[in-house]
C-alpha atoms as a PDB file:
ATOM      1  CA  MET A   1     279.695-234.436 -64.419  1.00  0.00           C
ATOM      2  CA  LEU A   2     281.055-234.490 -60.274  1.00  0.00           C
ATOM      3  CA  VAL A   3     282.396-237.797 -59.103  1.00  0.00           C
ATOM      4  CA  ASN A   4     282.753-238.544 -55.607  1.00  0.00           C
ATOM      5  CA  ARG A   5     281.947-241.051 -53.255  1.00  0.00           C
ATOM      6  CA  ASN A   6     281.039-238.308 -50.671  1.00  0.00           C
ATOM      7  CA  GLN A   7     277.683-237.755 -50.868  1.00  0.00           C
ATOM      8  CA  ARG A   8     277.929-234.384 -48.741  1.00  0.00           C
ATOM      9  CA  ASN A   9     280.440-233.131 -50.642  1.00  0.00           C
ATOM     10  CA  LEU A  10     279.023-234.009 -53.784  1.00  0.00           C
ATOM     11  CA  GLU A  11     275.959-232.105 -52.280  1.00  0.00           C
ATOM     12  CA  LEU A  12     278.241-228.995 -51.601  1.00  0.00           C
ATOM     13  CA  LEU A  13     280.526-228.936 -55.230  1.00  0.00           C
ATOM     14  CA  ALA A  14     277.134-229.516 -56.933  1.00  0.00           C
ATOM     15  CA  ASP A  15     275.166-226.308 -55.114  1.00  0.00           C
ATOM     16  CA  LEU A  16     278.681-224.180 -55.162  1.00  0.00           C
ATOM     17  CA  LEU A  17     278.900-224.680 -59.108  1.00  0.00           C
ATOM     18  CA  SER A  18     275.029-224.586 -59.759  1.00  0.00           C
ATOM     19  CA  LYS A  19     275.267-221.092 -58.113  1.00  0.00           C
ATOM     20  CA  ALA A  20     277.815-220.248 -60.118  1.00  0.00           C
ATOM     21  CA  GLY A  21     275.559-221.555 -63.566  1.00  0.00           C
ATOM     22  CA  TYR A  22     276.510-224.409 -64.331  1.00  0.00           C
ATOM     23  CA  THR A  23     274.679-227.636 -64.850  1.00  0.00           C
ATOM     24  CA  THR A  24     275.757-230.577 -62.912  1.00  0.00           C
ATOM     25  CA  TYR A  25     275.143-234.064 -62.794  1.00  0.00           C
ATOM     26  CA  THR A  26     276.703-236.323 -59.975  1.00  0.00           C
ATOM     27  CA  ALA A  27     277.782-239.469 -59.475  1.00  0.00           C
ATOM     28  CA  ALA A  28     278.572-241.432 -56.247  1.00  0.00           C
ATOM     29  CA  THR A  29     280.169-244.800 -57.724  1.00  0.00           C
ATOM     30  CA  LEU A  30     281.832-246.331 -60.379  1.00  0.00           C
ATOM     31  CA  GLU A  31     278.646-247.468 -61.699  1.00  0.00           C
ATOM     32  CA  GLU A  32     276.668-243.743 -61.814  1.00  0.00           C
ATOM     33  CA  PHE A  33     279.626-242.578 -63.658  1.00  0.00           C
ATOM     34  CA  ASP A  34     279.677-245.539 -65.976  1.00  0.00           C
ATOM     35  CA  GLN A  35     276.139-243.947 -66.655  1.00  0.00           C
ATOM     36  CA  ALA A  36     277.023-240.966 -67.323  1.00  0.00           C
ATOM     37  CA  LEU A  37     279.908-241.490 -69.729  1.00  0.00           C
ATOM     38  CA  VAL A  38     277.121-243.522 -71.540  1.00  0.00           C
ATOM     39  CA  ALA A  39     275.125-239.906 -71.396  1.00  0.00           C
ATOM     40  CA  GLU A  40     278.068-238.031 -72.673  1.00  0.00           C
ATOM     41  CA  ASP A  41     276.145-235.438 -74.208  1.00  0.00           C
ATOM     42  CA  ARG A  42     275.484-233.889 -71.457  1.00  0.00           C
ATOM     43  CA  VAL A  43     279.183-233.899 -69.817  1.00  0.00           C
ATOM     44  CA  GLY A  44     281.168-230.298 -71.047  1.00  0.00           C
ATOM     45  CA  VAL A  45     284.142-231.388 -67.900  1.00  0.00           C
ATOM     46  CA  ALA A  46     283.997-233.808 -65.186  1.00  0.00           C
ATOM     47  CA  LEU A  47     285.704-233.019 -61.861  1.00  0.00           C
ATOM     48  CA  VAL A  48     286.846-236.949 -60.559  1.00  0.00           C
ATOM     49  CA  ASP A  49     287.473-237.521 -56.435  1.00  0.00           C
ATOM     50  CA  LEU A  50     289.798-239.751 -56.144  1.00  0.00           C
ATOM     51  CA  THR A  51     288.808-240.173 -52.494  1.00  0.00           C
ATOM     52  CA  GLY A  52     287.353-243.712 -51.945  1.00  0.00           C
ATOM     53  CA  PHE A  53     287.761-245.126 -55.093  1.00  0.00           C
ATOM     54  CA  ASP A  54     289.728-248.536 -56.235  1.00  0.00           C
ATOM     55  CA  SER A  55     291.910-248.081 -59.655  1.00  0.00           C
ATOM     56  CA  GLY A  56     288.556-249.016 -61.707  1.00  0.00           C
ATOM     57  CA  VAL A  57     288.135-245.118 -61.091  1.00  0.00           C
ATOM     58  CA  TRP A  58     291.508-244.681 -63.844  1.00  0.00           C
ATOM     59  CA  GLU A  59     289.281-246.718 -66.908  1.00  0.00           C
ATOM     60  CA  ARG A  60     286.499-244.464 -65.914  1.00  0.00           C
ATOM     61  CA  CYS A  61     289.345-241.680 -66.415  1.00  0.00           C
ATOM     62  CA  GLU A  62     290.515-242.879 -69.640  1.00  0.00           C
ATOM     63  CA  GLN A  63     287.207-243.506 -71.153  1.00  0.00           C
ATOM     64  CA  LEU A  64     287.025-238.971 -70.643  1.00  0.00           C
ATOM     65  CA  ARG A  65     289.398-238.776 -72.479  1.00  0.00           C
ATOM     66  CA  ARG A  66     289.194-241.038 -75.361  1.00  0.00           C
ATOM     67  CA  LYS A  67     285.687-239.506 -75.253  1.00  0.00           C
ATOM     68  CA  ARG A  68     287.657-235.652 -75.657  1.00  0.00           C
ATOM     69  CA  LYS A  69     285.817-234.416 -72.579  1.00  0.00           C
ATOM     70  CA  PRO A  70     288.377-232.505 -70.403  1.00  0.00           C
ATOM     71  CA  PHE A  71     288.109-233.456 -66.678  1.00  0.00           C
ATOM     72  CA  LEU A  72     290.147-232.502 -63.365  1.00  0.00           C
ATOM     73  CA  VAL A  73     291.514-234.619 -60.935  1.00  0.00           C
ATOM     74  CA  ILE A  74     290.764-234.121 -57.485  1.00  0.00           C
ATOM     75  CA  SER A  75     292.853-235.598 -54.431  1.00  0.00           C
ATOM     76  CA  PRO A  76     293.167-235.190 -50.850  1.00  0.00           C
ATOM     77  CA  SER A  77     297.212-234.593 -50.661  1.00  0.00           C
ATOM     78  CA  GLN A  78     299.999-234.060 -53.301  1.00  0.00           C
ATOM     79  CA  SER A  79     301.207-236.906 -54.615  1.00  0.00           C
ATOM     80  CA  ALA A  80     303.647-236.737 -57.486  1.00  0.00           C
ATOM     81  CA  ALA A  81     301.967-240.740 -58.408  1.00  0.00           C
ATOM     82  CA  ILE A  82     298.554-239.597 -58.407  1.00  0.00           C
ATOM     83  CA  GLN A  83     300.083-236.740 -60.554  1.00  0.00           C
ATOM     84  CA  GLN A  84     301.800-238.578 -62.602  1.00  0.00           C
ATOM     85  CA  ALA A  85     298.794-241.026 -63.266  1.00  0.00           C
ATOM     86  CA  SER A  86     296.143-238.348 -63.880  1.00  0.00           C
ATOM     87  CA  LEU A  87     297.776-237.020 -66.252  1.00  0.00           C
ATOM     88  CA  SER A  88     298.844-240.248 -67.575  1.00  0.00           C
ATOM     89  CA  HIS A  89     295.181-241.017 -68.048  1.00  0.00           C
ATOM     90  CA  GLY A  90     294.421-237.750 -69.742  1.00  0.00           C
ATOM     91  CA  ALA A  91     293.661-235.612 -66.702  1.00  0.00           C
ATOM     92  CA  LYS A  92     293.774-231.643 -67.623  1.00  0.00           C
ATOM     93  CA  GLY A  93     295.078-231.107 -64.020  1.00  0.00           C
ATOM     94  CA  VAL A  94     294.884-231.802 -60.306  1.00  0.00           C
ATOM     95  CA  MET A  95     293.580-229.783 -57.953  1.00  0.00           C
ATOM     96  CA  ILE A  96     294.820-230.808 -53.841  1.00  0.00           C
ATOM     97  CA  LYS A  97     291.820-230.362 -51.314  1.00  0.00           C
ATOM     98  CA  PRO A  98     290.813-228.065 -49.519  1.00  0.00           C
ATOM     99  CA  LEU A  99     289.728-226.621 -53.071  1.00  0.00           C
ATOM    100  CA  VAL A 100     290.285-223.039 -53.753  1.00  0.00           C
ATOM    101  CA  ILE A 101     286.850-222.522 -55.699  1.00  0.00           C
ATOM    102  CA  LYS A 102     287.410-219.689 -57.265  1.00  0.00           C
ATOM    103  CA  ASP A 103     290.180-221.060 -58.898  1.00  0.00           C
ATOM    104  CA  LEU A 104     288.082-224.505 -59.540  1.00  0.00           C
ATOM    105  CA  ILE A 105     285.753-222.416 -61.708  1.00  0.00           C
ATOM    106  CA  SER A 106     288.682-220.190 -63.547  1.00  0.00           C
ATOM    107  CA  LEU A 107     289.809-223.796 -64.450  1.00  0.00           C
ATOM    108  CA  ILE A 108     286.316-225.199 -65.603  1.00  0.00           C
ATOM    109  CA  GLN A 109     285.723-222.154 -67.517  1.00  0.00           C
ATOM    110  CA  GLY A 110     288.587-222.432 -69.157  1.00  0.00           C
ATOM    111  CA  MET A 111     288.050-226.235 -70.071  1.00  0.00           C
ATOM    112  CA  LEU A 112     284.668-225.094 -71.312  1.00  0.00           C
ATOM    113  CA  GLU A 113     286.323-222.475 -73.414  1.00  0.00           C
ATOM    114  CA  GLU A 114     288.508-224.956 -75.355  1.00  0.00           C
ATOM    115  CA  GLN A 115     285.669-226.913 -75.945  1.00  0.00           C
ATOM    116  CA  GLU A 116     284.322-224.456 -78.935  1.00  0.00           C
END
């Protein structure tokens, strides 16, 4: 599952991951994020870009943690506060933009293997 307020970035990331063999589900709003959480059986890993979301995004991250769905937070900048908040809400890690796709795919693969 990809969560990102920027529709163009959402499409680019979905396309890159699709080419790497992953099926993606996208959410551009907190309401769409909620809908994806209800259909949790489709979610293996979530990538949550914080940009443009209010603090309500953290409750959704907590839901991912409670449902034992691994996720990464994507942040626009290096920030100790974001790092701490992300980890305290259950994130497996934080990636800083711009993303290195090879590293992202390796992290996704590792999280999926941990679930098996």
